[in-house]
Amino acid sequence: MQYIVLNFKKMEFQKFETQIKKWILEYVILWVISKKDSYSSDILAILKKNDLIIVEWTLYPLLSRLKNEWYISYYWTESTSWPPRKYFKITESGKELFKALDKIWLGTQKSINNIINFIS
């Protein structure tokens, strides 16, 4: 019986972790792209450097969805030393979404910190 409860808790934890990471990844990807037009490998490197490790097959669908919803766009750059690269750029509606997500993030972070400090 205890195994079933522990297994259920693990599945529930994974569900919540997935939802939280999905929102955070969208926010962070928009943040990165809002600061500088970015190549997908650059985004992955920034996330990895900051211990928010994801794989390409997680990043590409997020970028594709953000593009399809007009929050980001892309353009190609040519080079003599590497194949053409696709750079992602935030759109005006992406900037609006980022501002809204940033406000939610900062407000939530402040509320959580207030609760932790109140209880401590």
N, C-alpha and C. Protein backbone atom coordinates (compact mmCIF):
# COMPACT_ATOMS: atom_id res chain seq x y z
N MET A 1 0.82 -1.19 0.00
CA MET A 1 0.00 0.00 0.00
C MET A 1 0.87 1.26 0.00
N GLN A 2 1.94 1.27 0.77
CA GLN A 2 2.81 2.44 0.84
C GLN A 2 3.45 2.71 -0.53
N TYR A 3 3.77 1.65 -1.27
CA TYR A 3 4.37 1.81 -2.59
C TYR A 3 3.42 2.58 -3.51
N ILE A 4 2.15 2.25 -3.47
CA ILE A 4 1.15 2.91 -4.31
C ILE A 4 1.07 4.40 -3.96
N VAL A 5 1.07 4.71 -2.69
CA VAL A 5 1.01 6.11 -2.25
C VAL A 5 2.26 6.85 -2.70
N LEU A 6 3.43 6.27 -2.50
CA LEU A 6 4.67 6.92 -2.91
C LEU A 6 4.72 7.09 -4.42
N ASN A 7 4.27 6.08 -5.17
CA ASN A 7 4.26 6.16 -6.62
C ASN A 7 3.30 7.26 -7.08
N PHE A 8 2.15 7.35 -6.45
CA PHE A 8 1.18 8.40 -6.78
C PHE A 8 1.78 9.78 -6.50
N LYS A 9 2.43 9.93 -5.35
CA LYS A 9 3.03 11.21 -5.01
C LYS A 9 4.10 11.58 -6.03
N LYS A 10 4.88 10.59 -6.48
CA LYS A 10 5.91 10.86 -7.48
C LYS A 10 5.28 11.32 -8.78
N MET A 11 4.18 10.65 -9.20
CA MET A 11 3.50 11.04 -10.42
C MET A 11 2.91 12.44 -10.28
N GLU A 12 2.33 12.75 -9.14
CA GLU A 12 1.77 14.09 -8.90
C GLU A 12 2.87 15.13 -8.92
N PHE A 13 3.99 14.83 -8.28
CA PHE A 13 5.12 15.76 -8.28
C PHE A 13 5.59 16.04 -9.70
N GLN A 14 5.71 14.99 -10.50
CA GLN A 14 6.17 15.16 -11.88
C GLN A 14 5.19 16.02 -12.68
N LYS A 15 3.90 15.85 -12.43
CA LYS A 15 2.89 16.65 -13.13
C LYS A 15 3.05 18.13 -12.79
N PHE A 16 3.20 18.43 -11.50
CA PHE A 16 3.37 19.83 -11.08
C PHE A 16 4.69 20.39 -11.59
N GLU A 17 5.73 19.58 -11.50
CA GLU A 17 7.04 20.02 -11.97
C GLU A 17 6.98 20.36 -13.46
N THR A 18 6.31 19.54 -14.24
CA THR A 18 6.17 19.78 -15.67
C THR A 18 5.44 21.08 -15.95
N GLN A 19 4.34 21.32 -15.24
CA GLN A 19 3.57 22.55 -15.44
C GLN A 19 4.37 23.79 -15.06
N ILE A 20 5.06 23.73 -13.94
CA ILE A 20 5.86 24.87 -13.49
C ILE A 20 6.99 25.14 -14.47
N LYS A 21 7.70 24.09 -14.89
CA LYS A 21 8.81 24.27 -15.82
C LYS A 21 8.33 24.81 -17.17
N LYS A 22 7.16 24.36 -17.63
CA LYS A 22 6.64 24.83 -18.91
C LYS A 22 6.45 26.34 -18.86
N TRP A 23 5.82 26.84 -17.83
CA TRP A 23 5.58 28.28 -17.70
C TRP A 23 6.90 29.03 -17.57
N ILE A 24 7.78 28.52 -16.72
CA ILE A 24 9.06 29.19 -16.50
C ILE A 24 9.89 29.21 -17.78
N LEU A 25 9.89 28.11 -18.52
CA LEU A 25 10.66 28.07 -19.77
C LEU A 25 10.16 29.09 -20.77
N GLU A 26 8.85 29.22 -20.91
CA GLU A 26 8.30 30.21 -21.82
C GLU A 26 8.74 31.61 -21.39
N TYR A 27 8.65 31.88 -20.11
CA TYR A 27 9.04 33.18 -19.57
C TYR A 27 10.53 33.44 -19.82
N VAL A 28 11.37 32.47 -19.51
CA VAL A 28 12.82 32.65 -19.64
C VAL A 28 13.22 32.76 -21.12
N ILE A 29 12.62 31.97 -21.97
CA ILE A 29 12.94 32.05 -23.40
C ILE A 29 12.58 33.43 -23.93
N LEU A 30 11.40 33.93 -23.57
CA LEU A 30 11.03 35.29 -23.99
C LEU A 30 12.00 36.32 -23.42
N TRP A 31 12.42 36.11 -22.18
CA TRP A 31 13.37 37.03 -21.55
C TRP A 31 14.67 37.07 -22.34
N VAL A 32 15.21 35.89 -22.66
CA VAL A 32 16.48 35.80 -23.39
C VAL A 32 16.35 36.48 -24.76
N ILE A 33 15.29 36.14 -25.48
CA ILE A 33 15.10 36.68 -26.83
C ILE A 33 14.81 38.18 -26.78
N SER A 34 14.18 38.65 -25.71
CA SER A 34 13.89 40.09 -25.61
C SER A 34 15.18 40.90 -25.41
N LYS A 35 16.19 40.29 -24.82
CA LYS A 35 17.45 40.99 -24.59
C LYS A 35 18.33 41.02 -25.83
N LYS A 36 18.24 39.96 -26.65
CA LYS A 36 19.10 39.85 -27.82
C LYS A 36 18.53 38.78 -28.76
N ASP A 37 18.47 39.07 -30.04
CA ASP A 37 18.06 38.04 -31.00
C ASP A 37 18.96 36.83 -30.77
N SER A 38 18.36 35.65 -30.77
CA SER A 38 19.10 34.47 -30.30
C SER A 38 18.96 33.27 -31.22
N TYR A 39 20.06 32.57 -31.36
CA TYR A 39 20.12 31.28 -32.05
C TYR A 39 19.74 30.21 -31.02
N SER A 40 19.09 29.15 -31.44
CA SER A 40 18.60 28.14 -30.49
C SER A 40 19.72 27.57 -29.61
N SER A 41 20.89 27.36 -30.17
CA SER A 41 22.00 26.84 -29.36
C SER A 41 22.43 27.84 -28.28
N ASP A 42 22.32 29.13 -28.59
CA ASP A 42 22.63 30.16 -27.60
C ASP A 42 21.65 30.10 -26.43
N ILE A 43 20.37 29.91 -26.76
CA ILE A 43 19.34 29.81 -25.72
C ILE A 43 19.62 28.60 -24.83
N LEU A 44 19.90 27.46 -25.45
CA LEU A 44 20.21 26.25 -24.69
C LEU A 44 21.44 26.45 -23.79
N ALA A 45 22.45 27.12 -24.30
CA ALA A 45 23.67 27.35 -23.52
C ALA A 45 23.38 28.24 -22.30
N ILE A 46 22.58 29.28 -22.49
CA ILE A 46 22.23 30.17 -21.37
C ILE A 46 21.44 29.40 -20.32
N LEU A 47 20.47 28.60 -20.75
CA LEU A 47 19.68 27.82 -19.80
C LEU A 47 20.57 26.83 -19.05
N LYS A 48 21.44 26.14 -19.78
CA LYS A 48 22.34 25.15 -19.16
C LYS A 48 23.28 25.82 -18.16
N LYS A 49 23.84 26.97 -18.55
CA LYS A 49 24.77 27.68 -17.68
C LYS A 49 24.11 28.06 -16.35
N ASN A 50 22.80 28.23 -16.38
CA ASN A 50 22.06 28.64 -15.19
C ASN A 50 21.23 27.50 -14.59
N ASP A 51 21.66 26.27 -14.86
CA ASP A 51 21.07 25.05 -14.27
C ASP A 51 19.59 24.85 -14.59
N LEU A 52 19.14 25.40 -15.71
CA LEU A 52 17.79 25.13 -16.20
C LEU A 52 17.97 24.34 -17.49
N ILE A 53 18.34 23.08 -17.29
CA ILE A 53 18.77 22.25 -18.41
C ILE A 53 17.56 21.64 -19.11
N ILE A 54 17.49 21.89 -20.42
CA ILE A 54 16.49 21.25 -21.26
C ILE A 54 17.20 20.74 -22.50
N VAL A 55 16.51 19.90 -23.23
CA VAL A 55 17.09 19.35 -24.45
C VAL A 55 16.44 20.02 -25.65
N GLU A 56 17.08 19.84 -26.81
CA GLU A 56 16.60 20.49 -28.02
C GLU A 56 15.15 20.14 -28.33
N TRP A 57 14.77 18.87 -28.13
CA TRP A 57 13.41 18.47 -28.48
C TRP A 57 12.37 19.05 -27.52
N THR A 58 12.81 19.69 -26.46
CA THR A 58 11.90 20.46 -25.61
C THR A 58 11.87 21.91 -26.07
N LEU A 59 13.00 22.44 -26.45
CA LEU A 59 13.09 23.84 -26.87
C LEU A 59 12.38 24.09 -28.19
N TYR A 60 12.60 23.26 -29.19
CA TYR A 60 12.07 23.54 -30.52
C TYR A 60 10.54 23.62 -30.56
N PRO A 61 9.82 22.72 -29.91
CA PRO A 61 8.35 22.88 -29.91
C PRO A 61 7.90 24.17 -29.22
N LEU A 62 8.60 24.58 -28.15
CA LEU A 62 8.26 25.84 -27.49
C LEU A 62 8.51 27.02 -28.42
N LEU A 63 9.64 27.04 -29.09
CA LEU A 63 9.93 28.11 -30.04
C LEU A 63 8.91 28.12 -31.18
N SER A 64 8.56 26.95 -31.65
CA SER A 64 7.59 26.85 -32.74
C SER A 64 6.22 27.38 -32.30
N ARG A 65 5.79 27.02 -31.10
CA ARG A 65 4.50 27.49 -30.60
C ARG A 65 4.51 28.99 -30.39
N LEU A 66 5.59 29.52 -29.82
CA LEU A 66 5.69 30.97 -29.62
C LEU A 66 5.69 31.70 -30.97
N LYS A 67 6.30 31.09 -31.99
CA LYS A 67 6.29 31.68 -33.33
C LYS A 67 4.89 31.62 -33.93
N ASN A 68 4.23 30.48 -33.80
CA ASN A 68 2.89 30.33 -34.36
C ASN A 68 1.87 31.25 -33.69
N GLU A 69 2.14 31.62 -32.46
CA GLU A 69 1.25 32.55 -31.74
C GLU A 69 1.71 34.00 -31.90
N TRP A 70 2.70 34.24 -32.75
CA TRP A 70 3.19 35.58 -33.10
C TRP A 70 3.90 36.30 -31.96
N TYR A 71 4.43 35.55 -31.00
CA TYR A 71 5.19 36.17 -29.92
C TYR A 71 6.66 36.34 -30.28
N ILE A 72 7.12 35.49 -31.19
CA ILE A 72 8.48 35.63 -31.71
C ILE A 72 8.43 35.43 -33.22
N SER A 73 9.46 35.90 -33.89
CA SER A 73 9.63 35.63 -35.31
C SER A 73 11.06 35.16 -35.49
N TYR A 74 11.43 34.88 -36.71
CA TYR A 74 12.82 34.46 -36.94
C TYR A 74 13.31 35.00 -38.27
N TYR A 75 14.62 34.99 -38.41
CA TYR A 75 15.26 35.34 -39.67
C TYR A 75 16.52 34.49 -39.79
N TRP A 76 16.98 34.33 -41.02
CA TRP A 76 18.17 33.53 -41.29
C TRP A 76 19.38 34.43 -41.51
N THR A 77 20.53 33.98 -41.03
CA THR A 77 21.78 34.68 -41.33
C THR A 77 22.70 33.72 -42.07
N GLU A 78 23.36 34.26 -43.06
CA GLU A 78 24.31 33.49 -43.86
C GLU A 78 25.72 33.72 -43.31
N SER A 79 26.58 32.73 -43.52
CA SER A 79 27.97 32.85 -43.09
C SER A 79 28.83 31.98 -43.99
N THR A 80 30.08 32.33 -44.09
CA THR A 80 31.01 31.50 -44.86
C THR A 80 31.61 30.39 -44.00
N SER A 81 31.51 30.53 -42.67
CA SER A 81 32.14 29.55 -41.78
C SER A 81 31.17 28.54 -41.18
N TRP A 82 29.86 28.71 -41.36
CA TRP A 82 28.89 27.75 -40.86
C TRP A 82 27.64 27.81 -41.73
N PRO A 83 26.79 26.81 -41.61
CA PRO A 83 25.54 26.84 -42.39
C PRO A 83 24.65 28.01 -41.93
N PRO A 84 23.65 28.38 -42.72
CA PRO A 84 22.74 29.45 -42.30
C PRO A 84 22.15 29.14 -40.93
N ARG A 85 21.97 30.19 -40.14
CA ARG A 85 21.41 30.03 -38.79
C ARG A 85 20.10 30.79 -38.67
N LYS A 86 19.18 30.17 -37.93
CA LYS A 86 17.90 30.80 -37.68
C LYS A 86 17.97 31.52 -36.34
N TYR A 87 17.78 32.82 -36.37
CA TYR A 87 17.78 33.63 -35.16
C TYR A 87 16.35 34.03 -34.82
N PHE A 88 16.02 33.95 -33.54
CA PHE A 88 14.70 34.29 -33.07
C PHE A 88 14.69 35.70 -32.51
N LYS A 89 13.60 36.39 -32.79
CA LYS A 89 13.44 37.79 -32.40
C LYS A 89 12.05 37.96 -31.78
N ILE A 90 11.97 38.75 -30.70
CA ILE A 90 10.68 38.96 -30.06
C ILE A 90 9.86 39.96 -30.88
N THR A 91 8.56 39.74 -30.96
CA THR A 91 7.66 40.63 -31.68
C THR A 91 7.03 41.62 -30.69
N GLU A 92 6.26 42.55 -31.20
CA GLU A 92 5.57 43.50 -30.32
C GLU A 92 4.60 42.78 -29.39
N SER A 93 3.84 41.81 -29.91
CA SER A 93 2.93 41.06 -29.03
C SER A 93 3.72 40.20 -28.05
N GLY A 94 4.91 39.75 -28.45
CA GLY A 94 5.78 39.02 -27.54
C GLY A 94 6.28 39.90 -26.41
N LYS A 95 6.58 41.16 -26.74
CA LYS A 95 7.00 42.11 -25.70
C LYS A 95 5.87 42.35 -24.70
N GLU A 96 4.64 42.44 -25.20
CA GLU A 96 3.49 42.62 -24.31
C GLU A 96 3.30 41.41 -23.41
N LEU A 97 3.41 40.21 -24.01
CA LEU A 97 3.29 38.98 -23.22
C LEU A 97 4.40 38.91 -22.18
N PHE A 98 5.62 39.25 -22.58
CA PHE A 98 6.74 39.20 -21.65
C PHE A 98 6.50 40.15 -20.47
N LYS A 99 6.03 41.37 -20.74
CA LYS A 99 5.74 42.31 -19.66
C LYS A 99 4.71 41.73 -18.70
N ALA A 100 3.67 41.09 -19.24
CA ALA A 100 2.63 40.49 -18.40
C ALA A 100 3.20 39.34 -17.57
N LEU A 101 3.99 38.47 -18.20
CA LEU A 101 4.59 37.35 -17.48
C LEU A 101 5.57 37.84 -16.43
N ASP A 102 6.31 38.88 -16.76
CA ASP A 102 7.28 39.45 -15.82
C ASP A 102 6.55 39.99 -14.59
N LYS A 103 5.44 40.66 -14.81
CA LYS A 103 4.65 41.19 -13.70
C LYS A 103 4.12 40.04 -12.82
N ILE A 104 3.63 38.99 -13.45
CA ILE A 104 3.15 37.81 -12.71
C ILE A 104 4.29 37.20 -11.91
N TRP A 105 5.46 37.01 -12.57
CA TRP A 105 6.61 36.39 -11.91
C TRP A 105 7.05 37.20 -10.70
N LEU A 106 7.22 38.50 -10.89
CA LEU A 106 7.70 39.35 -9.79
C LEU A 106 6.69 39.41 -8.65
N GLY A 107 5.41 39.48 -8.98
CA GLY A 107 4.37 39.49 -7.95
C GLY A 107 4.31 38.18 -7.19
N THR A 108 4.41 37.09 -7.91
CA THR A 108 4.37 35.76 -7.27
C THR A 108 5.60 35.57 -6.39
N GLN A 109 6.75 35.95 -6.90
CA GLN A 109 8.00 35.83 -6.15
C GLN A 109 7.91 36.64 -4.85
N LYS A 110 7.39 37.85 -4.94
CA LYS A 110 7.25 38.70 -3.75
C LYS A 110 6.29 38.07 -2.74
N SER A 111 5.17 37.56 -3.22
CA SER A 111 4.19 36.93 -2.33
C SER A 111 4.77 35.72 -1.63
N ILE A 112 5.48 34.89 -2.37
CA ILE A 112 6.09 33.69 -1.79
C ILE A 112 7.13 34.08 -0.73
N ASN A 113 7.96 35.05 -1.07
CA ASN A 113 8.96 35.51 -0.10
C ASN A 113 8.31 36.09 1.16
N ASN A 114 7.22 36.83 0.98
CA ASN A 114 6.50 37.36 2.13
C ASN A 114 5.96 36.24 3.03
N ILE A 115 5.40 35.22 2.41
CA ILE A 115 4.87 34.08 3.17
C ILE A 115 6.00 33.37 3.92
N ILE A 116 7.10 33.12 3.23
CA ILE A 116 8.24 32.42 3.86
C ILE A 116 8.78 33.25 5.02
N ASN A 117 8.92 34.55 4.82
CA ASN A 117 9.45 35.41 5.88
C ASN A 117 8.46 35.54 7.04
N PHE A 118 7.19 35.53 6.75
CA PHE A 118 6.16 35.63 7.78
C PHE A 118 6.15 34.38 8.66
N ILE A 119 6.28 33.22 8.03
CA ILE A 119 6.22 31.95 8.76
C ILE A 119 7.53 31.68 9.50
N SER A 120 8.65 32.12 8.96
CA SER A 120 9.95 31.83 9.56
C SER A 120 10.15 32.46 10.91
